Structures are given as C-alpha cells and as structure tokens.
PDB file of N, CA and C in Angstrom:
ATOM      1  N   PRO A   1      -8.647   6.026  11.199  1.00  0.00           N
ATOM      2  CA  PRO A   1      -8.338   4.477  11.440  1.00  0.00           C
ATOM      3  C   PRO A   1      -8.252   3.926  12.731  1.00  0.00           C
ATOM      4  N   MET A   2      -8.767   2.532  13.169  1.00  0.00           N
ATOM      5  CA  MET A   2      -8.247   2.193  14.482  1.00  0.00           C
ATOM      6  C   MET A   2      -8.951   0.956  14.348  1.00  0.00           C
ATOM      7  N   MET A   3      -8.003  -0.209  15.760  1.00  0.00           N
ATOM      8  CA  MET A   3      -7.874  -1.496  15.722  1.00  0.00           C
ATOM      9  C   MET A   3      -9.530  -1.789  16.580  1.00  0.00           C
ATOM     10  N   PRO A   4      -9.969  -2.891  15.785  1.00  0.00           N
ATOM     11  CA  PRO A   4     -10.710  -3.562  16.474  1.00  0.00           C
ATOM     12  C   PRO A   4     -10.796  -3.588  18.144  1.00  0.00           C
ATOM     13  N   GLY A   5     -12.223  -2.860  18.318  1.00  0.00           N
ATOM     14  CA  GLY A   5     -12.604  -2.806  19.637  1.00  0.00           C
ATOM     15  C   GLY A   5     -12.228  -1.819  20.487  1.00  0.00           C
ATOM     16  N   ARG A   6     -12.021  -0.684  19.802  1.00  0.00           N
ATOM     17  CA  ARG A   6     -11.373   0.423  20.260  1.00  0.00           C
ATOM     18  C   ARG A   6     -12.105   1.925  20.013  1.00  0.00           C
ATOM     19  N   ALA A   7     -11.975   2.620  20.958  1.00  0.00           N
ATOM     20  CA  ALA A   7     -12.458   4.063  20.810  1.00  0.00           C
ATOM     21  C   ALA A   7     -11.673   4.601  19.749  1.00  0.00           C
ATOM     22  N   ASN A   8     -12.398   5.599  19.218  1.00  0.00           N
ATOM     23  CA  ASN A   8     -10.953   6.310  17.974  1.00  0.00           C
ATOM     24  C   ASN A   8     -10.358   7.611  18.936  1.00  0.00           C
ATOM     25  N   VAL A   9      -9.335   8.035  18.499  1.00  0.00           N
ATOM     26  CA  VAL A   9      -8.806   9.040  18.602  1.00  0.00           C
ATOM     27  C   VAL A   9      -9.693  10.074  19.391  1.00  0.00           C
ATOM     28  N   THR A  10     -10.103  10.773  18.628  1.00  0.00           N
ATOM     29  CA  THR A  10     -10.455  11.955  19.161  1.00  0.00           C
ATOM     30  C   THR A  10     -11.308  11.471  20.313  1.00  0.00           C
ATOM     31  N   SER A  11     -12.259  10.758  20.303  1.00  0.00           N
ATOM     32  CA  SER A  11     -13.150  10.746  21.409  1.00  0.00           C
ATOM     33  C   SER A  11     -12.184  10.355  22.692  1.00  0.00           C
ATOM     34  N   MET A  12     -10.688   9.269  22.373  1.00  0.00           N
ATOM     35  CA  MET A  12     -10.443   9.502  23.428  1.00  0.00           C
ATOM     36  C   MET A  12      -9.227  10.662  24.175  1.00  0.00           C
ATOM     37  N   ASN A  13      -8.884  11.150  23.137  1.00  0.00           N
ATOM     38  CA  ASN A  13      -8.067  12.601  23.711  1.00  0.00           C
ATOM     39  C   ASN A  13      -8.696  13.914  23.371  1.00  0.00           C
ATOM     40  N   ASN A  14      -9.911  13.928  23.702  1.00  0.00           N
ATOM     41  CA  ASN A  14     -10.064  15.565  23.588  1.00  0.00           C
ATOM     42  C   ASN A  14      -9.651  15.698  22.352  1.00  0.00           C
ATOM     43  N   GLY A  15      -9.564  14.930  20.922  1.00  0.00           N
ATOM     44  CA  GLY A  15      -9.647  15.671  19.741  1.00  0.00           C
ATOM     45  C   GLY A  15      -7.957  16.141  19.170  1.00  0.00           C
ATOM     46  N   LYS A  16      -7.042  15.187  19.808  1.00  0.00           N
ATOM     47  CA  LYS A  16      -5.902  15.615  19.666  1.00  0.00           C
ATOM     48  C   LYS A  16      -4.864  14.385  19.973  1.00  0.00           C
ATOM     49  N   GLY A  17      -4.227  14.301  18.922  1.00  0.00           N
ATOM     50  CA  GLY A  17      -3.500  13.321  18.524  1.00  0.00           C
ATOM     51  C   GLY A  17      -2.382  13.114  19.066  1.00  0.00           C
ATOM     52  N   CYS A  18      -1.451  12.689  18.689  1.00  0.00           N
ATOM     53  CA  CYS A  18      -0.083  12.813  19.794  1.00  0.00           C
ATOM     54  C   CYS A  18       1.047  13.286  18.779  1.00  0.00           C
ATOM     55  N   THR A  19       2.363  13.374  19.828  1.00  0.00           N
ATOM     56  CA  THR A  19       3.102  14.117  19.386  1.00  0.00           C
ATOM     57  C   THR A  19       4.291  13.430  19.549  1.00  0.00           C
ATOM     58  N   CYS A  20       4.777  12.287  19.329  1.00  0.00           N
ATOM     59  CA  CYS A  20       5.680  11.477  19.586  1.00  0.00           C
ATOM     60  C   CYS A  20       7.104  11.885  18.168  1.00  0.00           C
ATOM     61  N   ARG A  21       8.156  12.154  18.979  1.00  0.00           N
ATOM     62  CA  ARG A  21       9.437  12.344  18.254  1.00  0.00           C
ATOM     63  C   ARG A  21      10.259  11.384  17.659  1.00  0.00           C
ATOM     64  N   LYS A  22      10.684  10.384  18.931  1.00  0.00           N
ATOM     65  CA  LYS A  22      11.604   9.598  18.561  1.00  0.00           C
ATOM     66  C   LYS A  22      11.390   8.220  18.830  1.00  0.00           C
ATOM     67  N   THR A  23      10.069   7.728  18.951  1.00  0.00           N
ATOM     68  CA  THR A  23      10.193   6.272  19.399  1.00  0.00           C
ATOM     69  C   THR A  23       9.334   5.968  18.387  1.00  0.00           C
ATOM     70  N   LYS A  24       8.415   6.387  17.051  1.00  0.00           N
ATOM     71  CA  LYS A  24       8.216   5.945  15.961  1.00  0.00           C
ATOM     72  C   LYS A  24       6.377   5.306  16.645  1.00  0.00           C
ATOM     73  N   CYS A  25       6.237   5.830  17.851  1.00  0.00           N
ATOM     74  CA  CYS A  25       4.953   5.745  18.075  1.00  0.00           C
ATOM     75  C   CYS A  25       4.756   4.146  18.534  1.00  0.00           C
ATOM     76  N   LEU A  26       5.904   3.527  18.857  1.00  0.00           N
ATOM     77  CA  LEU A  26       5.484   2.087  18.806  1.00  0.00           C
ATOM     78  C   LEU A  26       6.657   1.918  20.781  1.00  0.00           C
ATOM     79  N   LYS A  27       5.808   3.024  21.083  1.00  0.00           N
ATOM     80  CA  LYS A  27       6.081   2.844  22.913  1.00  0.00           C
ATOM     81  C   LYS A  27       4.771   3.145  23.584  1.00  0.00           C
ATOM     82  N   LEU A  28       5.035   2.667  24.881  1.00  0.00           N
ATOM     83  CA  LEU A  28       3.405   2.970  25.990  1.00  0.00           C
ATOM     84  C   LEU A  28       2.869   4.463  26.212  1.00  0.00           C
ATOM     85  N   TYR A  29       4.287   5.473  25.856  1.00  0.00           N
ATOM     86  CA  TYR A  29       3.797   6.815  26.375  1.00  0.00           C
ATOM     87  C   TYR A  29       3.579   7.600  25.074  1.00  0.00           C
ATOM     88  N   CYS A  30       3.349   6.775  23.847  1.00  0.00           N
ATOM     89  CA  CYS A  30       2.329   6.980  22.818  1.00  0.00           C
ATOM     90  C   CYS A  30       1.060   7.029  23.253  1.00  0.00           C
ATOM     91  N   PHE A  31       0.158   7.842  22.913  1.00  0.00           N
ATOM     92  CA  PHE A  31      -0.870   7.958  23.534  1.00  0.00           C
ATOM     93  C   PHE A  31      -1.697   6.572  22.362  1.00  0.00           C
ATOM     94  N   CYS A  32      -1.721   6.829  21.278  1.00  0.00           N
ATOM     95  CA  CYS A  32      -2.481   6.306  20.034  1.00  0.00           C
ATOM     96  C   CYS A  32      -1.966   4.728  20.551  1.00  0.00           C
ATOM     97  N   PHE A  33      -0.482   4.081  20.972  1.00  0.00           N
ATOM     98  CA  PHE A  33      -0.275   3.079  20.497  1.00  0.00           C
ATOM     99  C   PHE A  33      -1.042   2.370  22.074  1.00  0.00           C
ATOM    100  N   SER A  34      -0.476   3.200  23.363  1.00  0.00           N
ATOM    101  CA  SER A  34      -1.002   2.448  24.328  1.00  0.00           C
ATOM    102  C   SER A  34      -2.780   2.342  24.452  1.00  0.00           C
ATOM    103  N   ALA A  35      -3.325   3.046  23.546  1.00  0.00           N
ATOM    104  CA  ALA A  35      -4.776   3.142  23.546  1.00  0.00           C
ATOM    105  C   ALA A  35      -5.180   2.134  22.499  1.00  0.00           C
ATOM    106  N   SER A  36      -4.060   1.278  22.020  1.00  0.00           N
ATOM    107  CA  SER A  36      -4.160   0.233  20.361  1.00  0.00           C
ATOM    108  C   SER A  36      -5.079   0.784  19.358  1.00  0.00           C
ATOM    109  N   LEU A  37      -4.588   2.120  19.103  1.00  0.00           N
ATOM    110  CA  LEU A  37      -4.971   3.198  17.966  1.00  0.00           C
ATOM    111  C   LEU A  37      -4.229   3.346  17.328  1.00  0.00           C
ATOM    112  N   VAL A  38      -4.313   3.062  15.871  1.00  0.00           N
ATOM    113  CA  VAL A  38      -3.287   3.845  14.657  1.00  0.00           C
ATOM    114  C   VAL A  38      -3.222   5.534  15.225  1.00  0.00           C
ATOM    115  N   CYS A  39      -2.118   5.837  14.903  1.00  0.00           N
ATOM    116  CA  CYS A  39      -2.727   7.330  14.785  1.00  0.00           C
ATOM    117  C   CYS A  39      -2.952   7.785  12.979  1.00  0.00           C
ATOM    118  N   ASN A  40      -3.768   9.222  13.567  1.00  0.00           N
ATOM    119  CA  ASN A  40      -3.983   9.969  12.623  1.00  0.00           C
ATOM    120  C   ASN A  40      -3.622  10.832  12.274  1.00  0.00           C
ATOM    121  N   PRO A  41      -3.486  10.813  10.955  1.00  0.00           N
ATOM    122  CA  PRO A  41      -2.595  11.735  10.145  1.00  0.00           C
ATOM    123  C   PRO A  41      -2.714  13.286  10.293  1.00  0.00           C
ATOM    124  N   ARG A  42      -4.629  12.804  10.910  1.00  0.00           N
ATOM    125  CA  ARG A  42      -5.037  14.509  10.376  1.00  0.00           C
ATOM    126  C   ARG A  42      -5.020  15.001  11.943  1.00  0.00           C
ATOM    127  N   LEU A  43      -4.611  14.180  12.864  1.00  0.00           N
ATOM    128  CA  LEU A  43      -4.704  15.037  14.375  1.00  0.00           C
ATOM    129  C   LEU A  43      -3.447  14.202  14.804  1.00  0.00           C
ATOM    130  N   CYS A  44      -2.582  13.583  14.386  1.00  0.00           N
ATOM    131  CA  CYS A  44      -1.508  13.720  15.081  1.00  0.00           C
ATOM    132  C   CYS A  44      -0.722  14.246  14.363  1.00  0.00           C
ATOM    133  N   ILE A  45       0.551  14.599  15.239  1.00  0.00           N
ATOM    134  CA  ILE A  45       2.003  15.584  14.730  1.00  0.00           C
ATOM    135  C   ILE A  45       3.362  14.492  15.036  1.00  0.00           C
ATOM    136  N   CYS A  46       3.431  13.483  14.811  1.00  0.00           N
ATOM    137  CA  CYS A  46       4.567  12.233  15.204  1.00  0.00           C
ATOM    138  C   CYS A  46       5.294  12.730  13.599  1.00  0.00           C
ATOM    139  N   ASP A  47       6.406  11.942  14.420  1.00  0.00           N
ATOM    140  CA  ASP A  47       7.568  11.696  13.102  1.00  0.00           C
ATOM    141  C   ASP A  47       8.140  10.405  12.911  1.00  0.00           C
ATOM    142  N   ASP A  48       8.403   9.966  11.702  1.00  0.00           N
ATOM    143  CA  ASP A  48       8.709   8.851  11.029  1.00  0.00           C
ATOM    144  C   ASP A  48       7.588   7.696  12.262  1.00  0.00           C
ATOM    145  N   CYS A  49       6.397   7.925  12.160  1.00  0.00           N
ATOM    146  CA  CYS A  49       5.411   7.108  12.509  1.00  0.00           C
ATOM    147  C   CYS A  49       5.285   5.479  12.045  1.00  0.00           C
ATOM    148  N   LYS A  50       5.418   4.495  12.747  1.00  0.00           N
ATOM    149  CA  LYS A  50       4.853   3.298  12.129  1.00  0.00           C
ATOM    150  C   LYS A  50       3.743   2.760  13.018  1.00  0.00           C
ATOM    151  N   ASN A  51       3.226   3.386  13.259  1.00  0.00           N
ATOM    152  CA  ASN A  51       2.003   3.132  14.119  1.00  0.00           C
ATOM    153  C   ASN A  51       0.884   3.526  13.455  1.00  0.00           C
ATOM    154  N   THR A  52       0.926   2.898  12.069  1.00  0.00           N
ATOM    155  CA  THR A  52      -0.166   3.271  10.905  1.00  0.00           C
ATOM    156  C   THR A  52      -1.247   2.272  10.521  1.00  0.00           C
ATOM    157  N   SER A  53      -2.271   2.559   9.997  1.00  0.00           N
ATOM    158  CA  SER A  53      -2.948   1.220   9.554  1.00  0.00           C
ATOM    159  C   SER A  53      -1.903   0.600   8.003  1.00  0.00           C
ATOM    160  N   ALA A  54      -1.529   1.146   7.562  1.00  0.00           N
ATOM    161  CA  ALA A  54      -0.591   0.156   6.894  1.00  0.00           C
ATOM    162  C   ALA A  54       0.392  -1.049   7.555  1.00  0.00           C
ATOM    163  N   GLU A  55       1.178  -0.734   8.868  1.00  0.00           N
ATOM    164  CA  GLU A  55       1.397  -1.919   9.555  1.00  0.00           C
ATOM    165  C   GLU A  55       0.410  -2.737  10.118  1.00  0.00           C
ATOM    166  N   ALA A  56      -0.515  -1.527  10.897  1.00  0.00           N
ATOM    167  CA  ALA A  56      -1.481  -2.829  11.315  1.00  0.00           C
ATOM    168  C   ALA A  56      -2.099  -3.784  10.403  1.00  0.00           C
ATOM    169  N   ALA A  57      -2.186  -3.783   8.880  1.00  0.00           N
ATOM    170  CA  ALA A  57      -2.640  -3.977   8.452  1.00  0.00           C
ATOM    171  C   ALA A  57      -1.774  -5.453   7.651  1.00  0.00           C
ATOM    172  N   LEU A  58      -0.148  -5.291   8.144  1.00  0.00           N
ATOM    173  CA  LEU A  58       0.460  -6.585   8.017  1.00  0.00           C
ATOM    174  C   LEU A  58       0.250  -7.394   9.414  1.00  0.00           C
ATOM    175  N   GLY A  59      -0.541  -7.398   9.968  1.00  0.00           N
ATOM    176  CA  GLY A  59      -0.796  -8.298  11.080  1.00  0.00           C
ATOM    177  C   GLY A  59       0.266  -8.747  12.178  1.00  0.00           C
ATOM    178  N   ASP A  60       0.461 -10.273  12.300  1.00  0.00           N
ATOM    179  CA  ASP A  60       1.833 -10.252  13.162  1.00  0.00           C
ATOM    180  C   ASP A  60       2.609  -9.963  12.820  1.00  0.00           C
ATOM    181  N   LEU A  61       3.276  -9.677  11.375  1.00  0.00           N
ATOM    182  CA  LEU A  61       4.384  -9.247  11.249  1.00  0.00           C
ATOM    183  C   LEU A  61       4.983  -7.895  10.890  1.00  0.00           C
ATOM    184  N   GLY A  62       3.814  -7.220  11.134  1.00  0.00           N
ATOM    185  CA  GLY A  62       3.836  -5.792  11.113  1.00  0.00           C
ATOM    186  C   GLY A  62       4.621  -5.162  12.357  1.00  0.00           C
ATOM    187  N   ALA A  63       5.528  -3.673  12.615  1.00  0.00           N
ATOM    188  CA  ALA A  63       5.897  -2.916  13.518  1.00  0.00           C
ATOM    189  C   ALA A  63       5.194  -3.009  14.569  1.00  0.00           C
ATOM    190  N   ILE A  64       3.681  -2.577  14.647  1.00  0.00           N
ATOM    191  CA  ILE A  64       2.613  -2.499  15.652  1.00  0.00           C
ATOM    192  C   ILE A  64       2.706  -3.975  16.588  1.00  0.00           C
ATOM    193  N   ALA A  65       2.329  -5.167  15.865  1.00  0.00           N
ATOM    194  CA  ALA A  65       2.343  -6.247  16.587  1.00  0.00           C
ATOM    195  C   ALA A  65       3.579  -6.808  17.526  1.00  0.00           C
ATOM    196  N   LYS A  66       4.696  -6.742  16.516  1.00  0.00           N
ATOM    197  CA  LYS A  66       6.406  -6.759  17.570  1.00  0.00           C
ATOM    198  C   LYS A  66       6.147  -5.857  18.385  1.00  0.00           C
ATOM    199  N   ALA A  67       6.114  -4.864  18.292  1.00  0.00           N
ATOM    200  CA  ALA A  67       5.927  -3.846  19.870  1.00  0.00           C
ATOM    201  C   ALA A  67       5.411  -3.905  20.612  1.00  0.00           C
ATOM    202  N   ARG A  68       3.702  -4.969  20.422  1.00  0.00           N
ATOM    203  CA  ARG A  68       3.048  -5.313  21.491  1.00  0.00           C
ATOM    204  C   ARG A  68       3.490  -6.048  22.395  1.00  0.00           C
ATOM    205  N   ARG A  69       3.979  -7.205  21.275  1.00  0.00           N
ATOM    206  CA  ARG A  69       4.549  -8.333  21.974  1.00  0.00           C
ATOM    207  C   ARG A  69       5.929  -7.986  23.000  1.00  0.00           C
ATOM    208  N   VAL A  70       6.650  -7.548  22.307  1.00  0.00           N
ATOM    209  CA  VAL A  70       7.405  -6.485  23.557  1.00  0.00           C
ATOM    210  C   VAL A  70       7.349  -6.095  24.701  1.00  0.00           C
ATOM    211  N   VAL A  71       6.402  -4.884  24.565  1.00  0.00           N
ATOM    212  CA  VAL A  71       5.569  -4.836  25.989  1.00  0.00           C
ATOM    213  C   VAL A  71       4.788  -5.477  26.473  1.00  0.00           C
ATOM    214  N   LEU A  72       4.268  -6.622  26.120  1.00  0.00           N
ATOM    215  CA  LEU A  72       3.411  -7.212  27.112  1.00  0.00           C
ATOM    216  C   LEU A  72       4.209  -8.378  27.686  1.00  0.00           C
ATOM    217  N   GLN A  73       5.675  -8.832  27.203  1.00  0.00           N
ATOM    218  CA  GLN A  73       6.298  -9.821  27.455  1.00  0.00           C
ATOM    219  C   GLN A  73       6.631  -8.977  28.537  1.00  0.00           C
ATOM    220  N   ARG A  74       7.137  -7.927  28.985  1.00  0.00           N
ATOM    221  CA  ARG A  74       7.278  -7.206  30.205  1.00  0.00           C
ATOM    222  C   ARG A  74       6.104  -7.046  31.115  1.00  0.00           C
ATOM    223  N   ASN A  75       5.159  -6.536  30.916  1.00  0.00           N
ATOM    224  CA  ASN A  75       3.805  -6.053  31.311  1.00  0.00           C
ATOM    225  C   ASN A  75       2.493  -6.990  30.743  1.00  0.00           C
ATOM    226  N   ARG A  76       2.193  -7.941  31.420  1.00  0.00           N
ATOM    227  CA  ARG A  76       0.585  -8.595  30.422  1.00  0.00           C
ATOM    228  C   ARG A  76      -0.049  -7.570  30.130  1.00  0.00           C
ATOM    229  N   ASN A  77      -0.343  -6.657  31.543  1.00  0.00           N
ATOM    230  CA  ASN A  77      -1.707  -6.254  31.367  1.00  0.00           C
ATOM    231  C   ASN A  77      -1.732  -4.542  31.185  1.00  0.00           C
ATOM    232  N   ALA A  78      -0.203  -3.987  30.117  1.00  0.00           N
ATOM    233  CA  ALA A  78       0.290  -3.073  29.519  1.00  0.00           C
ATOM    234  C   ALA A  78      -1.241  -2.495  28.978  1.00  0.00           C
ATOM    235  N   PHE A  79      -1.612  -3.237  28.055  1.00  0.00           N
ATOM    236  CA  PHE A  79      -2.953  -2.476  27.023  1.00  0.00           C
ATOM    237  C   PHE A  79      -3.978  -2.621  28.146  1.00  0.00           C
ATOM    238  N   GLN A  80      -4.202  -2.834  29.156  1.00  0.00           N
ATOM    239  CA  GLN A  80      -6.191  -2.991  29.915  1.00  0.00           C
ATOM    240  C   GLN A  80      -6.080  -1.648  30.137  1.00  0.00           C
ATOM    241  N   SER A  81      -7.597  -1.351  30.547  1.00  0.00           N
ATOM    242  CA  SER A  81      -7.548  -0.249  30.923  1.00  0.00           C
ATOM    243  C   SER A  81      -7.294  -0.379  32.396  1.00  0.00           C
ATOM    244  N   LYS A  82      -6.744   1.298  32.680  1.00  0.00           N
ATOM    245  CA  LYS A  82      -6.091   1.480  34.417  1.00  0.00           C
ATOM    246  C   LYS A  82      -7.558   1.941  34.718  1.00  0.00           C
ATOM    247  N   PHE A  83      -8.846   1.955  34.313  1.00  0.00           N
ATOM    248  CA  PHE A  83     -10.408   2.175  35.486  1.00  0.00           C
ATOM    249  C   PHE A  83     -11.427   0.914  34.951  1.00  0.00           C
ATOM    250  N   SER A  84     -11.596  -0.103  36.077  1.00  0.00           N
ATOM    251  CA  SER A  84     -12.132  -0.678  36.134  1.00  0.00           C
ATOM    252  C   SER A  84     -13.823   0.058  36.459  1.00  0.00           C
ATOM    253  N   PRO A  85     -14.439  -0.527  35.066  1.00  0.00           N
ATOM    254  CA  PRO A  85     -15.985   0.073  35.168  1.00  0.00           C
ATOM    255  C   PRO A  85     -16.932  -0.768  36.488  1.00  0.00           C
ATOM    256  N   GLY A  86     -17.290   0.268  37.295  1.00  0.00           N
ATOM    257  CA  GLY A  86     -18.166  -0.084  38.550  1.00  0.00           C
ATOM    258  C   GLY A  86     -17.309  -0.346  39.794  1.00  0.00           C
ATOM    259  N   ILE A  87     -16.267   0.131  40.009  1.00  0.00           N
ATOM    260  CA  ILE A  87     -15.224   0.107  41.064  1.00  0.00           C
ATOM    261  C   ILE A  87     -15.133   1.248  41.292  1.00  0.00           C
ATOM    262  N   LEU A  88     -15.301   1.966  42.508  1.00  0.00           N
ATOM    263  CA  LEU A  88     -15.346   3.191  42.485  1.00  0.00           C
ATOM    264  C   LEU A  88     -14.925   3.214  44.173  1.00  0.00           C
ATOM    265  N   ARG A  89     -13.988   4.312  44.863  1.00  0.00           N
ATOM    266  CA  ARG A  89     -13.139   3.696  46.060  1.00  0.00           C
ATOM    267  C   ARG A  89     -13.581   5.389  46.566  1.00  0.00           C
TER     268      ARG A  89
END
C-alpha cells in the first residue's frame, strides 16, 4: 500500500521496512513516513503503527494527515526529495 505518486517501500529501501518503536511511524525519521508511504506489515517491524492504509483512507481526519500538517508547518520542504534530478556538482 502506498500513497499516490510515490514508489513502494521495497524499491525505495532495498526491501526493508521501518523499525519504529515509539513514534507510531509519524515522524520524519520513519523511512516510510518521510517517503510518503504507508508502512507495509510484511516488511516493517514497527510498534503501534499509525502510518497504515486504514489511516490514509481517513484523509484529512487521519493521523497521517495530522502529522504531515505539523511537520509541514515547521518545514514546508520536509517531504520533497533531497536530490534534484539533473543537478550534479
């Protein structure tokens, strides 16, 4: 399961999911959350995950959307790629 316009966890993270323990996968140091992906129960070994397809289905009322709003208030570029294609130095 993934959010629109994003690659899946397998291709983005070499087949490994996240290992979040206390953040419920709603912080930028969760690989899946920072890549705008929902966690994959077959790959991730996270605890008390709130970054799920069920939460994503809740849209603006879900935990994912609320957490993203908080992050974006602090840093509007938080979910943009850190690597711009075509710009090599």
